[in-house]
Protein backbone atom coordinates (compact mmCIF):
# COMPACT_ATOMS: atom_id res chain seq x y z
CA MET A 1 -16.97 -13.53 -2.92
CA ALA A 2 -15.45 -15.36 0.01
CA VAL A 3 -12.95 -13.91 2.43
CA THR A 4 -9.56 -15.38 1.56
CA THR A 5 -6.94 -13.16 3.16
CA GLU A 6 -5.24 -14.30 6.32
CA ARG A 7 -3.13 -11.77 8.14
CA PRO A 8 0.27 -12.90 9.36
CA ASP A 9 1.12 -12.91 13.04
CA VAL A 10 3.51 -10.18 14.07
CA PRO A 11 6.33 -11.48 16.28
CA LEU A 12 6.57 -10.05 19.77
CA ILE A 13 10.32 -10.58 19.80
CA ALA A 14 12.46 -10.31 16.66
CA ASP A 15 15.34 -8.31 15.29
CA GLU A 16 14.51 -4.87 13.93
CA ARG A 17 14.43 -5.80 10.26
CA GLU A 18 12.19 -8.82 10.78
CA MET A 19 9.90 -6.75 13.00
CA LEU A 20 9.57 -4.05 10.32
CA ARG A 21 8.92 -6.66 7.61
CA ALA A 22 6.28 -8.37 9.73
CA HIS A 23 4.44 -5.14 10.55
CA LEU A 24 4.50 -4.00 6.93
CA ASP A 25 3.21 -7.38 5.73
CA PHE A 26 0.50 -7.32 8.41
CA HIS A 27 -0.72 -3.96 7.14
CA ARG A 28 -0.53 -5.06 3.51
CA ALA A 29 -2.65 -8.09 4.39
CA THR A 30 -5.09 -5.89 6.30
CA LEU A 31 -5.78 -3.85 3.15
CA ALA A 32 -6.41 -7.04 1.17
CA TRP A 33 -8.64 -8.34 3.97
CA LYS A 34 -10.75 -5.15 3.89
CA CYS A 35 -11.34 -5.73 0.16
CA ASP A 36 -12.21 -9.43 0.46
CA GLY A 37 -15.65 -10.55 -0.59
CA LEU A 38 -16.63 -7.35 -2.38
CA ALA A 39 -17.62 -6.88 -6.01
CA ASP A 40 -16.00 -4.21 -8.18
CA ASP A 41 -18.89 -1.76 -7.73
CA GLU A 42 -18.66 -2.15 -3.94
CA LEU A 43 -14.90 -1.59 -4.07
CA ARG A 44 -15.59 1.64 -5.99
CA ALA A 45 -18.12 2.85 -3.38
CA ARG A 46 -17.09 6.22 -1.96
CA ALA A 47 -16.54 6.73 1.73
CA SER A 48 -18.92 9.67 2.10
CA ALA A 49 -19.63 12.87 0.25
CA PRO A 50 -17.69 14.87 -0.76
CA SER A 51 -14.81 12.39 -0.43
CA THR A 52 -13.82 10.37 -3.49
CA LEU A 53 -12.02 7.79 -1.33
CA SER A 54 -12.85 4.13 -2.05
CA LEU A 55 -11.28 0.77 -1.29
CA LEU A 56 -10.25 0.33 -4.92
CA GLY A 57 -8.77 3.82 -4.88
CA LEU A 58 -6.77 2.94 -1.77
CA VAL A 59 -5.39 -0.18 -3.46
CA ARG A 60 -4.37 1.91 -6.49
CA HIS A 61 -2.82 4.60 -4.28
CA LEU A 62 -0.82 2.08 -2.26
CA ALA A 63 0.49 0.49 -5.45
CA GLU A 64 1.87 3.95 -6.31
CA VAL A 65 3.30 4.35 -2.80
CA GLU A 66 5.07 0.96 -2.96
CA ARG A 67 6.47 1.80 -6.42
CA THR A 68 7.62 5.28 -5.44
CA TRP A 69 9.38 4.34 -2.24
CA PHE A 70 10.90 0.96 -3.10
CA ARG A 71 11.48 1.01 -6.84
CA LYS A 72 12.05 4.70 -7.53
CA THR A 73 13.70 5.72 -4.26
CA VAL A 74 15.48 2.66 -2.83
CA ASN A 75 16.21 0.90 -6.13
CA GLY A 76 16.96 4.09 -8.07
CA GLU A 77 14.50 3.43 -10.93
CA ARG A 78 14.04 7.18 -11.36
CA ASP A 79 12.51 7.07 -14.87
CA LEU A 80 9.89 4.47 -13.98
CA PRO A 81 6.43 5.90 -14.76
CA ASN A 82 3.67 5.89 -12.18
CA VAL A 83 1.08 3.14 -12.39
CA TRP A 84 -1.96 5.46 -12.51
CA SER A 85 -1.00 8.85 -11.16
CA HIS A 86 -0.11 11.84 -13.28
CA ALA A 87 3.47 13.02 -12.66
CA ASP A 88 3.76 13.65 -8.92
CA ASP A 89 0.01 14.05 -8.33
CA TYR A 90 -0.63 10.87 -6.37
CA GLN A 91 -4.22 11.93 -5.68
CA THR A 92 -5.24 10.83 -9.19
CA ALA A 93 -4.64 7.20 -8.22
CA TYR A 94 -7.61 7.42 -5.86
CA ASP A 95 -10.04 7.60 -8.80
CA PRO A 96 -11.14 3.99 -9.41
CA SER A 97 -13.46 4.68 -12.35
CA GLY A 98 -12.94 2.24 -15.17
CA CYS A 99 -10.65 0.04 -13.08
CA THR A 100 -11.44 -3.49 -11.94
CA ARG A 101 -10.40 -5.31 -8.78
CA GLU A 102 -8.33 -7.63 -10.96
CA GLU A 103 -6.32 -4.75 -12.48
CA ALA A 104 -5.82 -2.84 -9.24
CA VAL A 105 -4.93 -5.84 -7.10
CA ALA A 106 -2.59 -7.29 -9.73
CA ALA A 107 -0.69 -3.99 -10.00
CA TRP A 108 -0.57 -3.60 -6.21
CA GLN A 109 0.61 -7.19 -5.67
CA ALA A 110 3.29 -6.75 -8.34
CA GLU A 111 4.58 -3.63 -6.59
CA VAL A 112 4.56 -5.41 -3.21
CA ALA A 113 6.58 -8.27 -4.73
CA HIS A 114 9.12 -5.77 -6.13
CA ALA A 115 9.28 -4.02 -2.76
CA ARG A 116 9.93 -7.27 -0.88
CA ARG A 117 12.68 -8.24 -3.33
CA ILE A 118 14.34 -4.81 -3.11
CA GLU A 119 14.18 -4.72 0.70
CA ARG A 120 15.61 -8.23 1.06
CA ALA A 121 18.48 -7.41 -1.33
CA ALA A 122 19.45 -4.27 0.58
CA PRO A 123 22.53 -4.77 2.74
CA SER A 124 21.03 -3.12 5.84
CA LEU A 125 18.37 -0.82 7.19
CA ASP A 126 21.08 1.84 7.29
CA LEU A 127 21.20 1.97 3.48
CA VAL A 128 20.91 5.65 2.55
CA VAL A 129 19.20 6.66 -0.69
CA HIS A 130 18.11 9.97 -2.14
CA GLN A 131 14.39 10.72 -2.24
CA PRO A 132 14.08 13.07 -5.24
CA ARG A 133 10.60 14.43 -4.52
CA TRP A 134 11.73 15.64 -1.08
CA ASN A 135 15.32 16.25 -2.23
CA GLN A 136 16.47 14.53 0.97
CA ASP A 137 18.48 11.45 1.85
CA VAL A 138 16.55 8.74 3.69
CA SER A 139 17.41 5.32 5.07
CA LEU A 140 15.74 2.04 4.23
CA ARG A 141 14.62 2.01 7.88
CA PHE A 142 12.78 5.28 7.28
CA VAL A 143 11.19 3.94 4.08
CA MET A 144 9.86 0.86 5.86
CA LEU A 145 8.54 2.91 8.79
CA HIS A 146 6.97 5.38 6.37
CA LEU A 147 5.18 2.57 4.53
CA ILE A 148 3.92 1.10 7.82
CA HIS A 149 2.56 4.54 8.70
CA GLU A 150 1.00 4.98 5.25
CA TYR A 151 -0.75 1.60 5.40
CA ALA A 152 -1.90 2.04 9.00
CA ARG A 153 -3.46 5.41 8.18
CA HIS A 154 -5.18 4.14 5.05
CA ASN A 155 -6.30 0.92 6.72
CA GLY A 156 -8.22 3.11 9.16
CA HIS A 157 -9.94 4.65 6.14
CA ALA A 158 -10.51 1.17 4.69
CA ASP A 159 -12.14 0.00 7.91
CA LEU A 160 -14.66 2.86 7.84
CA ILE A 161 -15.37 2.41 4.13
CA ARG A 162 -15.91 -1.33 4.54
CA GLU A 163 -18.25 -0.79 7.47
CA ALA A 164 -20.30 1.65 5.39
CA ILE A 165 -20.55 -0.89 2.54
CA ASP A 166 -21.73 -3.96 4.41
CA GLY A 167 -21.32 -3.48 8.15
CA THR A 168 -18.14 -5.57 8.37
CA VAL A 169 -15.85 -4.31 11.13
CA GLY A 170 -12.57 -5.42 12.61
CA ALA A 171 -9.11 -4.05 13.05
């Protein structure tokens, strides 16, 4: 499979909202880039024993993260079921068994599209919403920063997993 993902440039000067969008999209593209060119069995390859972490599991997990923070929290879709996880146990999304790249990536891309639509429709980064799992109010600014953090952390994992699979490195 050929590498097809290009990562967007992040502006050095922009307003806050555009800067947050650009960094989040950069990290989303980085995850896709780390998965490029790999077959389903390679995407299911585990990082190292005893870890169950895999690239496909990361894609599934980040689909849940996008759904939870943008659809359930910001958009208030409280009754929306998780994509793969059981109740609030987001660890179950990491298990890629029986899942294909096509299924995982399609679900993840759908959640990213929802997230982009919801963020663009929000009146400002100062929008305050209630995060039920934490029972705390959070701002859209916090949600975007949290997602950047989540992707950056998991992209570090993805980099190590990809290197173990075929030696491909790059930040």
